[in-house]
Amino acid sequence: ILRQALEHHSDFACFMDDDDVALPHMLSVYMRVALATGAEVLTDFSDNYDLDAKGHPVFSHRSMAVGDALSHNFFINNFGKANFCARPAPALRIGGHQTGPQSNSPYVDWGFFTRASLHKLRIGLVPLALYKYTKHSKDSIWYSMTSQRNRFDGHGKMVRDLQDVVPESLRDMI
């Protein structure tokens, strides 16, 4: 997707999980923020819903984020959400999205944000909920990838990404 965006001279490529629903103004807000801030990656908050007994969505909570705070985000993903837009060239320079060994995990967005932060990309956090997420929705990949192995793969990939930028003398600490 990022390569195609670059070939078509697109300013951004946007990613969403299969079970997310964009609010009508999501892209226009992202682009206004990108123009105002020069951000290379943009993410936001989300409104989260549970399904009631009849399968209807019921508002649960707003999921917030802290943005680019690597020391915090290394332990838990609060960079932003799986819903994000990135400038294709910088995103490809850091390895793209969902690449490398153990990339088949529920943490591909967390891994992308970790690499973006480690490589000093400007990550813009829009402090608004710009999409809806329904937990345990029928087609959610997240809920089919919650084994210990999937979690290990996701965390293992982030540790390797971090080891790539840490001096060799400190790698055993990671």
C-alpha atoms as a PDB file:
ATOM      1  CA  ILE A   1       0.000   0.000   0.000  1.00  0.00           C
ATOM      2  CA  LEU A   2       2.793   2.409   0.878  1.00  0.00           C
ATOM      3  CA  ARG A   3       4.669   1.663  -2.359  1.00  0.00           C
ATOM      4  CA  GLN A   4       1.517   2.227  -4.402  1.00  0.00           C
ATOM      5  CA  ALA A   5       0.882   5.499  -2.577  1.00  0.00           C
ATOM      6  CA  LEU A   6       4.439   6.614  -3.375  1.00  0.00           C
ATOM      7  CA  GLU A   7       4.111   5.601  -7.050  1.00  0.00           C
ATOM      8  CA  HIS A   8       0.846   7.561  -7.311  1.00  0.00           C
ATOM      9  CA  HIS A   9       2.412  10.611  -5.620  1.00  0.00           C
ATOM     10  CA  SER A  10      -0.054  10.410  -2.717  1.00  0.00           C
ATOM     11  CA  ASP A  11       0.704  12.565   0.284  1.00  0.00           C
ATOM     12  CA  PHE A  12      -0.495   9.901   2.722  1.00  0.00           C
ATOM     13  CA  ALA A  13      -1.553   6.270   2.930  1.00  0.00           C
ATOM     14  CA  CYS A  14      -4.161   5.505   5.564  1.00  0.00           C
ATOM     15  CA  PHE A  15      -4.705   2.265   7.433  1.00  0.00           C
ATOM     16  CA  MET A  16      -7.705   0.983   9.353  1.00  0.00           C
ATOM     17  CA  ASP A  17      -8.535  -2.327  10.950  1.00  0.00           C
ATOM     18  CA  ASP A  18     -11.195  -4.401   9.250  1.00  0.00           C
ATOM     19  CA  ASP A  19     -13.681  -3.763  12.053  1.00  0.00           C
ATOM     20  CA  ASP A  20     -13.275   0.037  12.319  1.00  0.00           C
ATOM     21  CA  VAL A  21     -15.701   2.596  10.905  1.00  0.00           C
ATOM     22  CA  ALA A  22     -14.357   6.032   9.959  1.00  0.00           C
ATOM     23  CA  LEU A  23     -16.367   9.082  10.916  1.00  0.00           C
ATOM     24  CA  PRO A  24     -17.238  11.184   7.838  1.00  0.00           C
ATOM     25  CA  HIS A  25     -14.737  13.955   8.691  1.00  0.00           C
ATOM     26  CA  MET A  26     -11.795  11.694   9.628  1.00  0.00           C
ATOM     27  CA  LEU A  27      -9.617  12.244   6.547  1.00  0.00           C
ATOM     28  CA  SER A  28     -10.255  15.983   6.317  1.00  0.00           C
ATOM     29  CA  VAL A  29      -9.258  16.406   9.981  1.00  0.00           C
ATOM     30  CA  TYR A  30      -6.115  14.320   9.450  1.00  0.00           C
ATOM     31  CA  MET A  31      -5.080  16.388   6.434  1.00  0.00           C
ATOM     32  CA  ARG A  32      -5.725  19.721   8.191  1.00  0.00           C
ATOM     33  CA  VAL A  33      -3.549  18.571  11.106  1.00  0.00           C
ATOM     34  CA  ALA A  34      -0.848  17.297   8.726  1.00  0.00           C
ATOM     35  CA  LEU A  35      -0.715  20.641   6.918  1.00  0.00           C
ATOM     36  CA  ALA A  36      -0.591  22.606  10.165  1.00  0.00           C
ATOM     37  CA  THR A  37       2.021  20.455  11.935  1.00  0.00           C
ATOM     38  CA  GLY A  38       4.142  18.740   9.274  1.00  0.00           C
ATOM     39  CA  ALA A  39       3.412  15.377  10.911  1.00  0.00           C
ATOM     40  CA  GLU A  40       4.618  12.311   9.017  1.00  0.00           C
ATOM     41  CA  VAL A  41       2.300   9.945  10.887  1.00  0.00           C
ATOM     42  CA  LEU A  42      -1.133  10.817  12.269  1.00  0.00           C
ATOM     43  CA  THR A  43      -3.324   8.913  14.694  1.00  0.00           C
ATOM     44  CA  ASP A  44      -6.282   9.653  16.928  1.00  0.00           C
ATOM     45  CA  PHE A  45      -8.628   8.457  19.663  1.00  0.00           C
ATOM     46  CA  SER A  46     -11.497   6.027  19.103  1.00  0.00           C
ATOM     47  CA  ASP A  47     -15.009   5.553  20.393  1.00  0.00           C
ATOM     48  CA  ASN A  48     -15.418   1.951  21.498  1.00  0.00           C
ATOM     49  CA  TYR A  49     -18.601  -0.067  21.490  1.00  0.00           C
ATOM     50  CA  ASP A  50     -19.694  -3.377  22.974  1.00  0.00           C
ATOM     51  CA  LEU A  51     -22.402  -5.546  21.448  1.00  0.00           C
ATOM     52  CA  ASP A  52     -25.570  -6.000  23.491  1.00  0.00           C
ATOM     53  CA  ALA A  53     -27.480  -9.290  23.731  1.00  0.00           C
ATOM     54  CA  LYS A  54     -29.206  -8.560  20.405  1.00  0.00           C
ATOM     55  CA  GLY A  55     -25.916  -7.745  18.637  1.00  0.00           C
ATOM     56  CA  HIS A  56     -26.450  -3.974  18.592  1.00  0.00           C
ATOM     57  CA  PRO A  57     -23.510  -1.683  19.360  1.00  0.00           C
ATOM     58  CA  VAL A  58     -23.658   0.167  22.696  1.00  0.00           C
ATOM     59  CA  PHE A  59     -21.137   2.890  23.545  1.00  0.00           C
ATOM     60  CA  SER A  60     -18.535   1.619  26.022  1.00  0.00           C
ATOM     61  CA  HIS A  61     -15.782   4.250  26.291  1.00  0.00           C
ATOM     62  CA  ARG A  62     -13.477   6.608  24.447  1.00  0.00           C
ATOM     63  CA  SER A  63     -10.009   5.156  23.983  1.00  0.00           C
ATOM     64  CA  MET A  64      -7.411   7.875  24.387  1.00  0.00           C
ATOM     65  CA  ALA A  65      -3.690   7.961  23.636  1.00  0.00           C
ATOM     66  CA  VAL A  66      -0.571   9.845  24.733  1.00  0.00           C
ATOM     67  CA  GLY A  67       1.183  10.154  21.368  1.00  0.00           C
ATOM     68  CA  ASP A  68       4.926   9.814  20.901  1.00  0.00           C
ATOM     69  CA  ALA A  69       6.176   8.845  24.375  1.00  0.00           C
ATOM     70  CA  LEU A  70       8.494   5.915  23.624  1.00  0.00           C
ATOM     71  CA  SER A  71       9.500   5.008  27.188  1.00  0.00           C
ATOM     72  CA  HIS A  72       5.831   4.611  28.143  1.00  0.00           C
ATOM     73  CA  ASN A  73       4.690   3.118  24.840  1.00  0.00           C
ATOM     74  CA  PHE A  74       7.327   0.405  24.882  1.00  0.00           C
ATOM     75  CA  PHE A  75       5.352  -1.344  27.639  1.00  0.00           C
ATOM     76  CA  ILE A  76       1.799  -0.633  26.482  1.00  0.00           C
ATOM     77  CA  ASN A  77       0.563   0.829  23.219  1.00  0.00           C
ATOM     78  CA  ASN A  78      -0.676   4.331  23.893  1.00  0.00           C
ATOM     79  CA  PHE A  79       0.944   5.940  20.839  1.00  0.00           C
ATOM     80  CA  GLY A  80      -2.439   5.974  19.176  1.00  0.00           C
ATOM     81  CA  LYS A  81      -4.664   3.514  17.456  1.00  0.00           C
ATOM     82  CA  ALA A  82      -4.487   1.054  14.561  1.00  0.00           C
ATOM     83  CA  ASN A  83      -6.277   3.720  12.582  1.00  0.00           C
ATOM     84  CA  PHE A  84      -3.526   5.982  11.220  1.00  0.00           C
ATOM     85  CA  CYS A  85      -2.151   7.751   8.158  1.00  0.00           C
ATOM     86  CA  ALA A  86       1.517   7.955   7.176  1.00  0.00           C
ATOM     87  CA  ARG A  87       3.553   9.732   4.545  1.00  0.00           C
ATOM     88  CA  PRO A  88       4.671   6.914   2.214  1.00  0.00           C
ATOM     89  CA  ALA A  89       8.382   7.780   1.794  1.00  0.00           C
ATOM     90  CA  PRO A  90       9.264   8.099   5.501  1.00  0.00           C
ATOM     91  CA  ALA A  91       7.121   5.060   6.341  1.00  0.00           C
ATOM     92  CA  LEU A  92       8.940   2.949   3.752  1.00  0.00           C
ATOM     93  CA  ARG A  93      12.333   4.159   5.027  1.00  0.00           C
ATOM     94  CA  ILE A  94      11.574   2.654   8.442  1.00  0.00           C
ATOM     95  CA  GLY A  95      10.461  -0.664   6.962  1.00  0.00           C
ATOM     96  CA  GLY A  96       6.834   0.006   6.156  1.00  0.00           C
ATOM     97  CA  HIS A  97       3.843  -1.402   7.936  1.00  0.00           C
ATOM     98  CA  GLN A  98       3.527  -5.018   9.045  1.00  0.00           C
ATOM     99  CA  THR A  99       6.867  -6.255   7.780  1.00  0.00           C
ATOM    100  CA  GLY A 100       9.653  -8.466   9.001  1.00  0.00           C
ATOM    101  CA  PRO A 101       9.788 -11.636  11.057  1.00  0.00           C
ATOM    102  CA  GLN A 102       6.914 -12.208  13.453  1.00  0.00           C
ATOM    103  CA  SER A 103       4.823  -9.474  11.798  1.00  0.00           C
ATOM    104  CA  ASN A 104       1.729 -11.672  11.880  1.00  0.00           C
ATOM    105  CA  SER A 105       0.647 -10.497  15.326  1.00  0.00           C
ATOM    106  CA  PRO A 106      -2.102  -8.341  16.784  1.00  0.00           C
ATOM    107  CA  TYR A 107       0.464  -5.572  17.420  1.00  0.00           C
ATOM    108  CA  VAL A 108       1.375  -4.439  13.902  1.00  0.00           C
ATOM    109  CA  ASP A 109       0.304  -0.839  14.556  1.00  0.00           C
ATOM    110  CA  TRP A 110       2.225  -0.770  17.836  1.00  0.00           C
ATOM    111  CA  GLY A 111       5.314  -2.033  16.028  1.00  0.00           C
ATOM    112  CA  PHE A 112       4.938   0.611  13.313  1.00  0.00           C
ATOM    113  CA  PHE A 113       4.601   3.406  15.887  1.00  0.00           C
ATOM    114  CA  THR A 114       7.594   2.078  17.826  1.00  0.00           C
ATOM    115  CA  ARG A 115       9.770   2.132  14.700  1.00  0.00           C
ATOM    116  CA  ALA A 116       8.433   5.568  13.731  1.00  0.00           C
ATOM    117  CA  SER A 117       9.369   6.924  17.155  1.00  0.00           C
ATOM    118  CA  LEU A 118      12.787   5.256  17.151  1.00  0.00           C
ATOM    119  CA  HIS A 119      13.514   6.794  13.738  1.00  0.00           C
ATOM    120  CA  LYS A 120      12.316  10.237  14.839  1.00  0.00           C
ATOM    121  CA  LEU A 121       9.316  10.511  12.503  1.00  0.00           C
ATOM    122  CA  ARG A 122       6.950  13.276  13.559  1.00  0.00           C
ATOM    123  CA  ILE A 123       3.910  11.476  15.034  1.00  0.00           C
ATOM    124  CA  GLY A 124       0.862  13.711  15.325  1.00  0.00           C
ATOM    125  CA  LEU A 125      -1.882  12.774  17.740  1.00  0.00           C
ATOM    126  CA  VAL A 126      -5.304  14.194  16.928  1.00  0.00           C
ATOM    127  CA  PRO A 127      -7.079  14.437  20.310  1.00  0.00           C
ATOM    128  CA  LEU A 128     -10.455  13.512  18.843  1.00  0.00           C
ATOM    129  CA  ALA A 129     -12.262  10.249  18.271  1.00  0.00           C
ATOM    130  CA  LEU A 130     -12.283   9.937  14.471  1.00  0.00           C
ATOM    131  CA  TYR A 131     -13.584   6.386  14.157  1.00  0.00           C
ATOM    132  CA  LYS A 132     -15.731   3.768  15.844  1.00  0.00           C
ATOM    133  CA  TYR A 133     -14.455   0.415  17.019  1.00  0.00           C
ATOM    134  CA  THR A 134     -16.755  -2.424  18.050  1.00  0.00           C
ATOM    135  CA  LYS A 135     -15.109  -4.906  20.402  1.00  0.00           C
ATOM    136  CA  HIS A 136     -15.513  -8.594  19.572  1.00  0.00           C
ATOM    137  CA  SER A 137     -17.025  -7.793  16.183  1.00  0.00           C
ATOM    138  CA  LYS A 138     -17.598 -10.726  13.845  1.00  0.00           C
ATOM    139  CA  ASP A 139     -14.633 -10.168  11.516  1.00  0.00           C
ATOM    140  CA  SER A 140     -12.065  -8.755  13.928  1.00  0.00           C
ATOM    141  CA  ILE A 141      -8.595 -10.203  13.369  1.00  0.00           C
ATOM    142  CA  TRP A 142      -7.609  -9.117  16.878  1.00  0.00           C
ATOM    143  CA  TYR A 143      -9.859 -11.668  18.520  1.00  0.00           C
ATOM    144  CA  SER A 144      -8.500 -14.481  16.379  1.00  0.00           C
ATOM    145  CA  MET A 145      -4.911 -13.543  17.308  1.00  0.00           C
ATOM    146  CA  THR A 146      -4.884 -13.494  21.090  1.00  0.00           C
ATOM    147  CA  SER A 147      -2.832 -16.588  21.832  1.00  0.00           C
ATOM    148  CA  GLN A 148       0.298 -16.327  23.942  1.00  0.00           C
ATOM    149  CA  ARG A 149       2.307 -17.053  20.771  1.00  0.00           C
ATOM    150  CA  ASN A 150       0.722 -14.097  18.942  1.00  0.00           C
ATOM    151  CA  ARG A 151       1.435 -11.804  21.877  1.00  0.00           C
ATOM    152  CA  PHE A 152       5.011 -13.074  22.107  1.00  0.00           C
ATOM    153  CA  ASP A 153       5.528 -12.514  18.365  1.00  0.00           C
ATOM    154  CA  GLY A 154       4.267  -8.946  18.618  1.00  0.00           C
ATOM    155  CA  HIS A 155       6.439  -8.077  21.593  1.00  0.00           C
ATOM    156  CA  GLY A 156       9.419  -9.938  20.121  1.00  0.00           C
ATOM    157  CA  LYS A 157       9.241  -7.846  16.969  1.00  0.00           C
ATOM    158  CA  MET A 158       9.247  -4.609  18.957  1.00  0.00           C
ATOM    159  CA  VAL A 159      12.240  -5.768  21.015  1.00  0.00           C
ATOM    160  CA  ARG A 160      14.151  -6.531  17.792  1.00  0.00           C
ATOM    161  CA  ASP A 161      13.202  -3.143  16.329  1.00  0.00           C
ATOM    162  CA  LEU A 162      14.533  -1.482  19.472  1.00  0.00           C
ATOM    163  CA  GLN A 163      17.735  -3.552  19.414  1.00  0.00           C
ATOM    164  CA  ASP A 164      18.407  -2.269  15.888  1.00  0.00           C
ATOM    165  CA  VAL A 165      18.920   1.271  17.205  1.00  0.00           C
ATOM    166  CA  VAL A 166      20.433   0.590  20.635  1.00  0.00           C
ATOM    167  CA  PRO A 167      24.239   0.499  20.850  1.00  0.00           C
ATOM    168  CA  GLU A 168      25.544  -3.066  20.850  1.00  0.00           C
ATOM    169  CA  SER A 169      26.942  -2.698  24.365  1.00  0.00           C
ATOM    170  CA  LEU A 170      23.381  -2.159  25.701  1.00  0.00           C
ATOM    171  CA  ARG A 171      21.498  -4.780  23.628  1.00  0.00           C
ATOM    172  CA  ASP A 172      21.642  -7.495  26.268  1.00  0.00           C
ATOM    173  CA  MET A 173      19.720  -5.151  28.585  1.00  0.00           C
ATOM    174  CA  ILE A 174      16.861  -5.084  26.089  1.00  0.00           C
END
